[in-house]
Amino acid sequence: MASPTPLQGLELIDCAKANAAQGIETAAHLCGYGTDLNTFKRELKQACQDIGVKIEELSDLITDQQTVREVGGIEVAPDTPADL
């Protein structure tokens, strides 16, 4: 669900990170910026700078863990519960 008002600070970062894989248009819309991509990018960069994180683009927020979950990886587990 899209935010009715533009998010700021940590809420903006959290929302942008959660939706980064869907693209900048979707992330901007869901974070309350509609089609104003320039303001979204500017506010997101500022919010990240405020917490000491430097980003150049939205995809910088996608972590390796998110990539593995989406793409899939290998599962490491014992053959049976008795082998724990």
Protein backbone atom coordinates (compact mmCIF):
# COMPACT_ATOMS: atom_id res chain seq x y z
CA MET A 1 0.00 0.00 0.00
CA ALA A 2 1.37 3.39 -0.97
CA SER A 3 2.04 5.97 1.70
CA PRO A 4 -0.46 8.87 1.56
CA THR A 5 2.36 11.35 2.29
CA PRO A 6 6.03 11.27 1.26
CA LEU A 7 8.08 9.30 3.76
CA GLN A 8 11.20 10.77 5.34
CA GLY A 9 14.26 9.52 7.20
CA LEU A 10 14.43 5.89 8.30
CA GLU A 11 10.88 5.16 7.14
CA LEU A 12 11.85 6.27 3.63
CA ILE A 13 14.99 4.12 3.67
CA ASP A 14 13.08 1.07 4.93
CA CYS A 15 10.35 1.46 2.32
CA ALA A 16 12.81 2.09 -0.51
CA LYS A 17 14.94 -0.91 0.49
CA ALA A 18 11.91 -3.20 0.70
CA ASN A 19 10.80 -2.17 -2.79
CA ALA A 20 14.16 -1.56 -4.51
CA ALA A 21 14.05 -4.79 -6.51
CA GLN A 22 10.76 -3.71 -8.11
CA GLY A 23 12.33 -0.59 -9.63
CA ILE A 24 12.53 3.09 -8.88
CA GLU A 25 9.06 3.94 -10.20
CA THR A 26 7.37 1.42 -7.90
CA ALA A 27 9.54 2.33 -4.92
CA ALA A 28 8.86 6.06 -5.38
CA HIS A 29 5.12 5.45 -5.65
CA LEU A 30 4.98 3.21 -2.56
CA CYS A 31 7.09 5.65 -0.54
CA GLY A 32 4.58 8.43 -1.24
CA TYR A 33 6.38 10.32 -4.02
CA GLY A 34 4.12 9.30 -6.89
CA THR A 35 5.88 10.02 -10.18
CA ASP A 36 8.29 12.63 -8.74
CA LEU A 37 11.42 10.52 -9.14
CA ASN A 38 13.84 13.42 -8.75
CA THR A 39 12.50 14.38 -5.32
CA PHE A 40 12.40 10.72 -4.29
CA LYS A 41 16.07 10.20 -5.25
CA ARG A 42 17.14 13.45 -3.56
CA GLU A 43 15.28 12.71 -0.32
CA LEU A 44 16.51 9.10 -0.26
CA LYS A 45 20.13 10.15 -0.72
CA GLN A 46 19.75 12.75 2.02
CA ALA A 47 18.14 10.25 4.40
CA CYS A 48 20.98 7.81 3.78
CA GLN A 49 23.61 10.52 4.28
CA ASP A 50 21.97 11.43 7.58
CA ILE A 51 22.70 7.92 8.89
CA GLY A 52 26.17 7.76 7.33
CA VAL A 53 25.37 5.59 4.31
CA LYS A 54 26.35 6.70 0.83
CA ILE A 55 24.26 5.50 -2.10
CA GLU A 56 24.43 6.41 -5.76
CA GLU A 57 21.28 4.64 -6.91
CA LEU A 58 18.34 2.71 -5.51
CA SER A 59 19.91 -0.67 -6.28
CA ASP A 60 22.66 0.11 -3.74
CA LEU A 61 20.07 -0.71 -1.07
CA ILE A 62 19.59 -4.29 -2.31
CA THR A 63 21.58 -6.61 -0.05
CA ASP A 64 23.16 -9.92 -0.97
CA GLN A 65 20.63 -11.68 1.26
CA GLN A 66 17.74 -10.23 -0.71
CA THR A 67 19.36 -11.34 -3.96
CA VAL A 68 19.87 -14.90 -2.74
CA ARG A 69 16.25 -15.15 -1.56
CA GLU A 70 14.92 -13.99 -4.91
CA VAL A 71 17.30 -15.89 -7.16
CA GLY A 72 17.58 -18.93 -4.97
CA GLY A 73 20.58 -20.53 -3.45
CA ILE A 74 21.65 -23.81 -2.03
CA GLU A 75 20.18 -25.18 1.16
CA VAL A 76 22.58 -26.72 3.64
CA ALA A 77 20.85 -29.13 6.02
CA PRO A 78 21.33 -32.63 7.44
CA ASP A 79 19.77 -35.59 5.66
CA THR A 80 17.57 -36.46 8.64
CA PRO A 81 16.65 -34.83 11.96
CA ALA A 82 18.73 -37.53 13.71
CA ASP A 83 21.86 -36.25 11.93
CA LEU A 84 21.69 -32.90 13.67
